[in-house]
Protein backbone atom coordinates (compact mmCIF):
# COMPACT_ATOMS: atom_id res chain seq x y z
CA MET A 1 90.60 57.60 73.13
CA ALA A 2 88.91 60.59 71.56
CA GLY A 3 85.58 62.13 72.39
CA TYR A 4 82.73 62.16 69.90
CA LEU A 5 79.34 63.76 70.19
CA ILE A 6 76.51 61.84 68.58
CA LEU A 7 73.68 64.28 67.88
CA PHE A 8 70.30 63.01 66.88
CA TYR A 9 67.79 65.13 65.05
CA VAL A 10 64.05 64.67 64.79
CA ASP A 11 61.10 66.09 62.91
CA GLU A 12 59.31 67.33 66.02
CA ALA A 13 55.83 67.44 64.46
CA ALA A 14 56.07 63.84 63.24
CA TYR A 15 57.54 62.74 66.57
CA ALA A 16 54.76 64.45 68.55
CA ALA A 17 52.10 62.87 66.36
CA ASP A 18 53.46 59.34 66.21
CA ALA A 19 56.34 58.62 68.61
CA PRO A 20 56.78 54.87 69.09
CA ALA A 21 55.78 53.71 72.57
CA ASP A 22 58.91 51.57 72.84
CA LEU A 23 61.43 54.28 71.89
CA LEU A 24 62.54 54.85 75.49
CA ALA A 25 63.13 51.13 75.90
CA ALA A 26 65.18 51.15 72.68
CA HIS A 27 67.40 53.93 74.08
CA GLN A 28 67.79 52.06 77.37
CA LYS A 29 68.88 48.98 75.41
CA PHE A 30 71.35 51.11 73.42
CA GLN A 31 72.76 52.58 76.65
CA ALA A 32 73.17 49.14 78.19
CA ALA A 33 74.93 47.84 75.08
CA HIS A 34 77.36 50.80 74.91
CA GLY A 35 77.83 51.66 78.59
CA ASP A 36 81.57 51.12 78.26
CA VAL A 37 81.95 54.09 75.88
CA LEU A 38 79.08 56.37 76.97
CA ARG A 39 80.15 59.44 78.93
CA GLY A 40 76.81 61.27 78.94
CA GLY A 41 73.70 61.97 76.99
CA GLY A 42 70.09 62.90 77.13
CA GLN A 43 66.88 63.77 75.37
CA LEU A 44 66.21 67.47 74.90
CA ALA A 45 62.90 69.22 75.48
CA PRO A 46 61.16 70.44 72.29
CA SER A 47 62.85 73.33 70.49
CA ALA A 48 59.92 75.62 71.37
CA THR A 49 61.25 75.60 74.95
CA ALA A 50 64.66 76.97 73.89
CA THR A 51 65.96 80.40 74.81
CA THR A 52 68.56 81.89 72.48
CA LEU A 53 71.28 84.45 73.18
CA ARG A 54 72.66 86.35 70.19
CA GLY A 55 75.28 89.02 69.91
CA GLY A 56 77.44 89.92 72.81
CA GLY A 57 80.75 88.13 72.75
CA ARG A 58 82.56 91.45 72.77
CA SER A 59 83.97 91.07 76.25
CA PRO A 60 87.63 90.06 76.68
CA ASP A 61 86.53 86.52 77.59
CA TYR A 62 84.15 86.24 74.58
CA ALA A 63 81.13 85.56 76.80
CA ALA A 64 77.74 86.68 75.49
CA GLY A 65 77.54 89.15 78.36
CA ASP A 66 74.76 91.43 79.45
CA ASP A 67 74.41 93.04 76.03
CA ALA A 68 73.36 89.79 74.31
CA GLU A 69 69.88 89.73 72.81
CA VAL A 70 67.72 87.10 74.54
CA THR A 71 64.79 85.61 72.59
CA ASP A 72 62.40 82.74 73.10
CA GLY A 73 62.77 79.87 70.67
CA PRO A 74 65.56 77.99 68.93
CA PHE A 75 68.62 79.52 67.27
CA VAL A 76 67.26 78.76 63.80
CA GLU A 77 63.98 77.46 62.44
CA THR A 78 64.42 74.07 60.80
CA LYS A 79 62.30 71.09 59.89
CA GLU A 80 64.43 68.83 62.07
CA ALA A 81 65.57 69.94 65.52
CA LEU A 82 68.23 68.61 67.84
CA GLY A 83 66.41 65.98 69.88
CA GLY A 84 69.23 64.63 72.02
CA TYR A 85 72.83 63.55 72.21
CA TYR A 86 75.31 60.99 73.45
CA LEU A 87 78.89 61.79 74.37
CA ILE A 88 81.15 58.79 73.78
CA ASP A 89 84.80 57.82 73.87
CA ALA A 90 86.03 55.99 70.79
CA PRO A 91 89.49 55.28 69.37
CA ASP A 92 88.60 56.77 65.98
CA LEU A 93 85.78 57.97 63.75
CA ASP A 94 85.06 54.49 62.41
CA ALA A 95 84.44 53.19 65.93
CA ALA A 96 82.26 56.24 66.71
CA LEU A 97 80.22 55.63 63.55
CA ALA A 98 79.74 51.99 64.54
CA VAL A 99 78.18 53.15 67.81
CA ALA A 100 76.14 55.89 66.10
CA ARG A 101 74.61 53.38 63.68
CA GLU A 102 72.86 51.78 66.65
CA VAL A 103 71.27 54.95 68.09
CA PRO A 104 67.49 54.51 67.96
CA VAL A 105 66.20 57.42 65.88
CA VAL A 106 62.80 57.94 64.32
CA PHE A 107 61.74 60.81 62.05
CA GLY A 108 65.29 62.12 61.65
CA GLY A 109 68.98 61.34 61.49
CA VAL A 110 72.25 61.22 63.38
CA GLU A 111 75.36 63.41 63.20
CA VAL A 112 78.77 62.46 64.64
CA ARG A 113 81.31 65.16 65.48
CA PRO A 114 84.69 64.97 67.17
CA VAL A 115 85.00 66.89 70.42
CA VAL A 116 87.95 69.26 70.52
CA TYR A 117 89.48 69.21 73.97
CA PRO A 118 91.51 72.22 75.12
């Protein structure tokens, strides 16, 4: 099995103005249907709550370190922001895409990326 991260993006303004009341129930149904492959996941707070570290990375272990610039807000300004994720195990990309097609998403889209294990 390989790991895949399913990232779902959302237009935060549209979501805030008109989020479906049954969206949480739809995610719970998705989780119940795919519990055998789910390894984690969650909804993220709005991007306005993000704190970003830039720079740094010059230490021998490549950590941002104390010299990193810390700013309030997301890494980049975009129309759609990362709204949440699911970490799954799947035998291949086709199987991961089959799961991703069932993620309940409104006002956005879904991205599937393989996880590279050390």
